[in-house]
Amino acid sequence: NDCSGDDTLKICREHHIHVLDLPINLGI
């Protein structure tokens, strides 16, 4: 998750998806 501004991270956590959450946007 590239520091998304929407609910991408929330959805990943709610559905127990393995996610790395970047603290700042690094670009693709």
PDB file of all heavy atoms in Angstrom:
ATOM      1  N   ASN A   1       0.840  -1.190   0.000  1.00  0.00           N
ATOM      2  CA  ASN A   1       0.000   0.000   0.000  1.00  0.00           C
ATOM      3  C   ASN A   1       0.879   1.246   0.000  1.00  0.00           C
ATOM      4  O   ASN A   1       1.569   1.538   0.975  1.00  0.00           O
ATOM      5  CB  ASN A   1      -0.925   0.006   1.222  1.00  0.00           C
ATOM      6  CG  ASN A   1      -1.780   1.257   1.277  1.00  0.00           C
ATOM      7  OD1 ASN A   1      -2.392   1.644   0.298  1.00  0.00           O
ATOM      8  ND2 ASN A   1      -1.802   1.905   2.435  1.00  0.00           N
ATOM      9  N   ASP A   2       0.827   2.003  -1.093  1.00  0.00           N
ATOM     10  CA  ASP A   2       1.724   3.139  -1.282  1.00  0.00           C
ATOM     11  C   ASP A   2       1.129   4.419  -0.694  1.00  0.00           C
ATOM     12  O   ASP A   2       0.930   5.405  -1.391  1.00  0.00           O
ATOM     13  CB  ASP A   2       2.024   3.307  -2.775  1.00  0.00           C
ATOM     14  CG  ASP A   2       3.177   4.260  -3.039  1.00  0.00           C
ATOM     15  OD1 ASP A   2       3.990   4.491  -2.115  1.00  0.00           O
ATOM     16  OD2 ASP A   2       3.265   4.775  -4.172  1.00  0.00           O
ATOM     17  N   CYS A   3       0.842   4.365   0.607  1.00  0.00           N
ATOM     18  CA  CYS A   3       0.290   5.519   1.331  1.00  0.00           C
ATOM     19  C   CYS A   3      -0.975   6.040   0.647  1.00  0.00           C
ATOM     20  O   CYS A   3      -1.112   7.244   0.388  1.00  0.00           O
ATOM     21  CB  CYS A   3       1.348   6.624   1.442  1.00  0.00           C
ATOM     22  SG  CYS A   3       1.002   7.854   2.737  1.00  0.00           S
ATOM     23  N   SER A   4      -1.895   5.120   0.370  1.00  0.00           N
ATOM     24  CA  SER A   4      -3.144   5.499  -0.292  1.00  0.00           C
ATOM     25  C   SER A   4      -3.940   6.485   0.545  1.00  0.00           C
ATOM     26  O   SER A   4      -3.938   6.421   1.777  1.00  0.00           O
ATOM     27  CB  SER A   4      -3.999   4.248  -0.556  1.00  0.00           C
ATOM     28  OG  SER A   4      -3.355   3.364  -1.441  1.00  0.00           O
ATOM     29  N   GLY A   5      -4.666   7.354  -0.144  1.00  0.00           N
ATOM     30  CA  GLY A   5      -5.503   8.329   0.541  1.00  0.00           C
ATOM     31  C   GLY A   5      -6.940   7.879   0.680  1.00  0.00           C
ATOM     32  O   GLY A   5      -7.763   8.602   1.253  1.00  0.00           O
ATOM     33  N   ASP A   6      -7.245   6.690   0.153  1.00  0.00           N
ATOM     34  CA  ASP A   6      -8.610   6.173   0.256  1.00  0.00           C
ATOM     35  C   ASP A   6      -8.644   5.014   1.254  1.00  0.00           C
ATOM     36  O   ASP A   6      -7.827   4.952   2.159  1.00  0.00           O
ATOM     37  CB  ASP A   6      -9.127   5.763  -1.134  1.00  0.00           C
ATOM     38  CG  ASP A   6      -8.326   4.598  -1.732  1.00  0.00           C
ATOM     39  OD1 ASP A   6      -7.384   4.114  -1.076  1.00  0.00           O
ATOM     40  OD2 ASP A   6      -8.664   4.175  -2.849  1.00  0.00           O
ATOM     41  N   ASP A   7      -9.567   4.079   1.075  1.00  0.00           N
ATOM     42  CA  ASP A   7      -9.751   2.997   2.045  1.00  0.00           C
ATOM     43  C   ASP A   7      -9.020   1.706   1.661  1.00  0.00           C
ATOM     44  O   ASP A   7      -9.371   0.629   2.152  1.00  0.00           O
ATOM     45  CB  ASP A   7     -11.247   2.694   2.211  1.00  0.00           C
ATOM     46  CG  ASP A   7     -11.972   3.775   3.001  1.00  0.00           C
ATOM     47  OD1 ASP A   7     -11.303   4.479   3.784  1.00  0.00           O
ATOM     48  OD2 ASP A   7     -13.195   3.905   2.830  1.00  0.00           O
ATOM     49  N   THR A   8      -8.007   1.806   0.808  1.00  0.00           N
ATOM     50  CA  THR A   8      -7.278   0.598   0.400  1.00  0.00           C
ATOM     51  C   THR A   8      -6.737  -0.162   1.604  1.00  0.00           C
ATOM     52  O   THR A   8      -6.931  -1.379   1.739  1.00  0.00           O
ATOM     53  CB  THR A   8      -6.121   0.962  -0.551  1.00  0.00           C
ATOM     54  OG1 THR A   8      -6.643   1.568  -1.741  1.00  0.00           O
ATOM     55  CG2 THR A   8      -5.321  -0.280  -0.934  1.00  0.00           C
ATOM     56  N   LEU A   9      -6.029   0.531   2.498  1.00  0.00           N
ATOM     57  CA  LEU A   9      -5.448  -0.123   3.668  1.00  0.00           C
ATOM     58  C   LEU A   9      -6.538  -0.682   4.580  1.00  0.00           C
ATOM     59  O   LEU A   9      -6.419  -1.811   5.091  1.00  0.00           O
ATOM     60  CB  LEU A   9      -4.567   0.855   4.435  1.00  0.00           C
ATOM     61  CG  LEU A   9      -3.905   0.306   5.701  1.00  0.00           C
ATOM     62  CD1 LEU A   9      -2.971  -0.853   5.376  1.00  0.00           C
ATOM     63  CD2 LEU A   9      -3.144   1.411   6.440  1.00  0.00           C
ATOM     64  N   LYS A  10      -7.592   0.074   4.801  1.00  0.00           N
ATOM     65  CA  LYS A  10      -8.690  -0.371   5.658  1.00  0.00           C
ATOM     66  C   LYS A  10      -9.301  -1.667   5.131  1.00  0.00           C
ATOM     67  O   LYS A  10      -9.552  -2.608   5.900  1.00  0.00           O
ATOM     68  CB  LYS A  10      -9.758   0.719   5.739  1.00  0.00           C
ATOM     69  CG  LYS A  10     -10.964   0.344   6.580  1.00  0.00           C
ATOM     70  CD  LYS A  10     -12.002   1.466   6.574  1.00  0.00           C
ATOM     71  CE  LYS A  10     -13.240   1.071   7.363  1.00  0.00           C
ATOM     72  NZ  LYS A  10     -14.278   2.134   7.314  1.00  0.00           N
ATOM     73  N   ILE A  11      -9.520  -1.739   3.822  1.00  0.00           N
ATOM     74  CA  ILE A  11     -10.100  -2.940   3.220  1.00  0.00           C
ATOM     75  C   ILE A  11      -9.155  -4.128   3.403  1.00  0.00           C
ATOM     76  O   ILE A  11      -9.588  -5.235   3.745  1.00  0.00           O
ATOM     77  CB  ILE A  11     -10.399  -2.693   1.730  1.00  0.00           C
ATOM     78  CG1 ILE A  11     -11.562  -1.704   1.589  1.00  0.00           C
ATOM     79  CG2 ILE A  11     -10.707  -4.002   1.002  1.00  0.00           C
ATOM     80  CD1 ILE A  11     -11.779  -1.205   0.176  1.00  0.00           C
ATOM     81  N   CYS A  12      -7.863  -3.903   3.194  1.00  0.00           N
ATOM     82  CA  CYS A  12      -6.891  -4.986   3.370  1.00  0.00           C
ATOM     83  C   CYS A  12      -6.910  -5.528   4.792  1.00  0.00           C
ATOM     84  O   CYS A  12      -6.906  -6.746   5.013  1.00  0.00           O
ATOM     85  CB  CYS A  12      -5.489  -4.487   3.011  1.00  0.00           C
ATOM     86  SG  CYS A  12      -5.196  -4.226   1.245  1.00  0.00           S
ATOM     87  N   ARG A  13      -6.954  -4.629   5.755  1.00  0.00           N
ATOM     88  CA  ARG A  13      -6.937  -5.070   7.152  1.00  0.00           C
ATOM     89  C   ARG A  13      -8.251  -5.731   7.554  1.00  0.00           C
ATOM     90  O   ARG A  13      -8.251  -6.726   8.295  1.00  0.00           O
ATOM     91  CB  ARG A  13      -6.612  -3.882   8.053  1.00  0.00           C
ATOM     92  CG  ARG A  13      -5.131  -3.469   7.942  1.00  0.00           C
ATOM     93  CD  ARG A  13      -4.788  -2.271   8.785  1.00  0.00           C
ATOM     94  NE  ARG A  13      -3.328  -2.068   8.813  1.00  0.00           N
ATOM     95  CZ  ARG A  13      -2.750  -0.967   9.277  1.00  0.00           C
ATOM     96  NH1 ARG A  13      -3.479   0.027   9.767  1.00  0.00           N
ATOM     97  NH2 ARG A  13      -1.428  -0.860   9.267  1.00  0.00           N
ATOM     98  N   GLU A  14      -9.366  -5.207   7.071  1.00  0.00           N
ATOM     99  CA  GLU A  14     -10.664  -5.797   7.404  1.00  0.00           C
ATOM    100  C   GLU A  14     -10.789  -7.221   6.875  1.00  0.00           C
ATOM    101  O   GLU A  14     -11.442  -8.065   7.483  1.00  0.00           O
ATOM    102  CB  GLU A  14     -11.791  -4.934   6.846  1.00  0.00           C
ATOM    103  CG  GLU A  14     -12.031  -3.654   7.628  1.00  0.00           C
ATOM    104  CD  GLU A  14     -13.148  -2.810   7.023  1.00  0.00           C
ATOM    105  OE1 GLU A  14     -13.552  -3.109   5.873  1.00  0.00           O
ATOM    106  OE2 GLU A  14     -13.596  -1.864   7.692  1.00  0.00           O
ATOM    107  N   HIS A  15     -10.152  -7.490   5.737  1.00  0.00           N
ATOM    108  CA  HIS A  15     -10.260  -8.811   5.105  1.00  0.00           C
ATOM    109  C   HIS A  15      -9.012  -9.663   5.334  1.00  0.00           C
ATOM    110  O   HIS A  15      -8.829 -10.685   4.665  1.00  0.00           O
ATOM    111  CB  HIS A  15     -10.528  -8.645   3.607  1.00  0.00           C
ATOM    112  CG  HIS A  15     -11.881  -8.071   3.300  1.00  0.00           C
ATOM    113  ND1 HIS A  15     -13.000  -8.853   3.137  1.00  0.00           N
ATOM    114  CD2 HIS A  15     -12.287  -6.781   3.153  1.00  0.00           C
ATOM    115  CE1 HIS A  15     -14.049  -8.075   2.897  1.00  0.00           C
ATOM    116  NE2 HIS A  15     -13.648  -6.820   2.893  1.00  0.00           N
ATOM    117  N   HIS A  16      -8.165  -9.234   6.272  1.00  0.00           N
ATOM    118  CA  HIS A  16      -6.978 -10.001   6.673  1.00  0.00           C
ATOM    119  C   HIS A  16      -6.065 -10.292   5.476  1.00  0.00           C
ATOM    120  O   HIS A  16      -5.523 -11.392   5.330  1.00  0.00           O
ATOM    121  CB  HIS A  16      -7.388 -11.306   7.356  1.00  0.00           C
ATOM    122  CG  HIS A  16      -8.362 -11.098   8.490  1.00  0.00           C
ATOM    123  ND1 HIS A  16      -7.986 -10.504   9.679  1.00  0.00           N
ATOM    124  CD2 HIS A  16      -9.688 -11.373   8.585  1.00  0.00           C
ATOM    125  CE1 HIS A  16      -9.049 -10.441  10.478  1.00  0.00           C
ATOM    126  NE2 HIS A  16     -10.090 -10.956   9.842  1.00  0.00           N
ATOM    127  N   ILE A  17      -5.911  -9.289   4.629  1.00  0.00           N
ATOM    128  CA  ILE A  17      -5.026  -9.383   3.469  1.00  0.00           C
ATOM    129  C   ILE A  17      -3.617  -9.017   3.906  1.00  0.00           C
ATOM    130  O   ILE A  17      -3.411  -8.042   4.633  1.00  0.00           O
ATOM    131  CB  ILE A  17      -5.527  -8.443   2.348  1.00  0.00           C
ATOM    132  CG1 ILE A  17      -6.852  -8.976   1.782  1.00  0.00           C
ATOM    133  CG2 ILE A  17      -4.484  -8.285   1.248  1.00  0.00           C
ATOM    134  CD1 ILE A  17      -7.542  -8.002   0.846  1.00  0.00           C
ATOM    135  N   HIS A  18      -2.642  -9.800   3.467  1.00  0.00           N
ATOM    136  CA  HIS A  18      -1.239  -9.538   3.798  1.00  0.00           C
ATOM    137  C   HIS A  18      -0.807  -8.244   3.125  1.00  0.00           C
ATOM    138  O   HIS A  18      -0.765  -8.160   1.883  1.00  0.00           O
ATOM    139  CB  HIS A  18      -0.373 -10.697   3.334  1.00  0.00           C
ATOM    140  CG  HIS A  18       1.048 -10.589   3.764  1.00  0.00           C
ATOM    141  ND1 HIS A  18       2.081 -11.263   3.150  1.00  0.00           N
ATOM    142  CD2 HIS A  18       1.629  -9.867   4.765  1.00  0.00           C
ATOM    143  CE1 HIS A  18       3.223 -10.969   3.733  1.00  0.00           C
ATOM    144  NE2 HIS A  18       2.974 -10.129   4.718  1.00  0.00           N
ATOM    145  N   VAL A  19      -0.479  -7.225   3.901  1.00  0.00           N
ATOM    146  CA  VAL A  19      -0.198  -5.902   3.339  1.00  0.00           C
ATOM    147  C   VAL A  19       1.019  -5.284   4.010  1.00  0.00           C
ATOM    148  O   VAL A  19       1.216  -5.400   5.223  1.00  0.00           O
ATOM    149  CB  VAL A  19      -1.430  -4.971   3.475  1.00  0.00           C
ATOM    150  CG1 VAL A  19      -1.848  -4.800   4.920  1.00  0.00           C
ATOM    151  CG2 VAL A  19      -1.176  -3.626   2.806  1.00  0.00           C
ATOM    152  N   LEU A  20       1.858  -4.650   3.200  1.00  0.00           N
ATOM    153  CA  LEU A  20       2.931  -3.785   3.688  1.00  0.00           C
ATOM    154  C   LEU A  20       2.450  -2.355   3.507  1.00  0.00           C
ATOM    155  O   LEU A  20       2.094  -1.956   2.393  1.00  0.00           O
ATOM    156  CB  LEU A  20       4.222  -4.009   2.894  1.00  0.00           C
ATOM    157  CG  LEU A  20       4.834  -5.400   2.915  1.00  0.00           C
ATOM    158  CD1 LEU A  20       6.071  -5.445   2.025  1.00  0.00           C
ATOM    159  CD2 LEU A  20       5.200  -5.804   4.336  1.00  0.00           C
ATOM    160  N   ASP A  21       2.447  -1.573   4.567  1.00  0.00           N
ATOM    161  CA  ASP A  21       1.915  -0.210   4.521  1.00  0.00           C
ATOM    162  C   ASP A  21       3.068   0.795   4.538  1.00  0.00           C
ATOM    163  O   ASP A  21       3.758   0.933   5.550  1.00  0.00           O
ATOM    164  CB  ASP A  21       0.982   0.019   5.712  1.00  0.00           C
ATOM    165  CG  ASP A  21       0.324   1.391   5.664  1.00  0.00           C
ATOM    166  OD1 ASP A  21       0.013   1.857   4.550  1.00  0.00           O
ATOM    167  OD2 ASP A  21       0.124   1.990   6.739  1.00  0.00           O
ATOM    168  N   LEU A  22       3.281   1.475   3.412  1.00  0.00           N
ATOM    169  CA  LEU A  22       4.351   2.467   3.334  1.00  0.00           C
ATOM    170  C   LEU A  22       3.914   3.766   4.016  1.00  0.00           C
ATOM    171  O   LEU A  22       2.798   4.242   3.782  1.00  0.00           O
ATOM    172  CB  LEU A  22       4.711   2.739   1.873  1.00  0.00           C
ATOM    173  CG  LEU A  22       5.210   1.535   1.071  1.00  0.00           C
ATOM    174  CD1 LEU A  22       5.537   1.938  -0.364  1.00  0.00           C
ATOM    175  CD2 LEU A  22       6.435   0.915   1.735  1.00  0.00           C
ATOM    176  N   PRO A  23       4.766   4.361   4.848  1.00  0.00           N
ATOM    177  CA  PRO A  23       4.386   5.568   5.586  1.00  0.00           C
ATOM    178  C   PRO A  23       4.336   6.820   4.729  1.00  0.00           C
ATOM    179  O   PRO A  23       3.714   7.805   5.102  1.00  0.00           O
ATOM    180  CB  PRO A  23       5.469   5.676   6.664  1.00  0.00           C
ATOM    181  CG  PRO A  23       6.662   5.008   6.062  1.00  0.00           C
ATOM    182  CD  PRO A  23       6.114   3.882   5.232  1.00  0.00           C
ATOM    183  N   ILE A  24       5.024   6.800   3.580  1.00  0.00           N
ATOM    184  CA  ILE A  24       4.976   7.919   2.630  1.00  0.00           C
ATOM    185  C   ILE A  24       4.793   7.341   1.241  1.00  0.00           C
ATOM    186  O   ILE A  24       5.083   6.175   0.991  1.00  0.00           O
ATOM    187  CB  ILE A  24       6.259   8.788   2.671  1.00  0.00           C
ATOM    188  CG1 ILE A  24       7.486   7.938   2.329  1.00  0.00           C
ATOM    189  CG2 ILE A  24       6.417   9.462   4.020  1.00  0.00           C
ATOM    190  CD1 ILE A  24       8.753   8.748   2.176  1.00  0.00           C
ATOM    191  N   ASN A  25       4.285   8.177   0.340  1.00  0.00           N
ATOM    192  CA  ASN A  25       4.077   7.736  -1.036  1.00  0.00           C
ATOM    193  C   ASN A  25       5.406   7.697  -1.780  1.00  0.00           C
ATOM    194  O   ASN A  25       6.076   8.714  -1.925  1.00  0.00           O
ATOM    195  CB  ASN A  25       3.097   8.687  -1.742  1.00  0.00           C
ATOM    196  CG  ASN A  25       2.846   8.286  -3.175  1.00  0.00           C
ATOM    197  OD1 ASN A  25       3.468   8.814  -4.092  1.00  0.00           O
ATOM    198  ND2 ASN A  25       1.932   7.360  -3.381  1.00  0.00           N
ATOM    199  N   LEU A  26       5.795   6.513  -2.257  1.00  0.00           N
ATOM    200  CA  LEU A  26       7.057   6.334  -2.970  1.00  0.00           C
ATOM    201  C   LEU A  26       6.879   6.280  -4.479  1.00  0.00           C
ATOM    202  O   LEU A  26       7.860   6.250  -5.209  1.00  0.00           O
ATOM    203  CB  LEU A  26       7.744   5.044  -2.507  1.00  0.00           C
ATOM    204  CG  LEU A  26       8.177   4.980  -1.043  1.00  0.00           C
ATOM    205  CD1 LEU A  26       8.862   3.645  -0.756  1.00  0.00           C
ATOM    206  CD2 LEU A  26       9.101   6.138  -0.687  1.00  0.00           C
ATOM    207  N   GLY A  27       5.637   6.257  -4.955  1.00  0.00           N
ATOM    208  CA  GLY A  27       5.411   6.076  -6.378  1.00  0.00           C
ATOM    209  C   GLY A  27       5.457   4.603  -6.732  1.00  0.00           C
ATOM    210  O   GLY A  27       5.878   3.752  -5.939  1.00  0.00           O
ATOM    211  N   ILE A  28       5.030   4.286  -7.957  1.00  0.00           N
ATOM    212  CA  ILE A  28       4.947   2.888  -8.363  1.00  0.00           C
ATOM    213  C   ILE A  28       6.301   2.198  -8.283  1.00  0.00           C
ATOM    214  O   ILE A  28       6.408   1.041  -7.868  1.00  0.00           O
ATOM    215  CB  ILE A  28       4.360   2.778  -9.793  1.00  0.00           C
ATOM    216  CG1 ILE A  28       4.260   1.319 -10.253  1.00  0.00           C
ATOM    217  CG2 ILE A  28       5.181   3.594 -10.791  1.00  0.00           C
ATOM    218  CD1 ILE A  28       3.330   0.471  -9.438  1.00  0.00           C
TER     219      ILE A  28
END
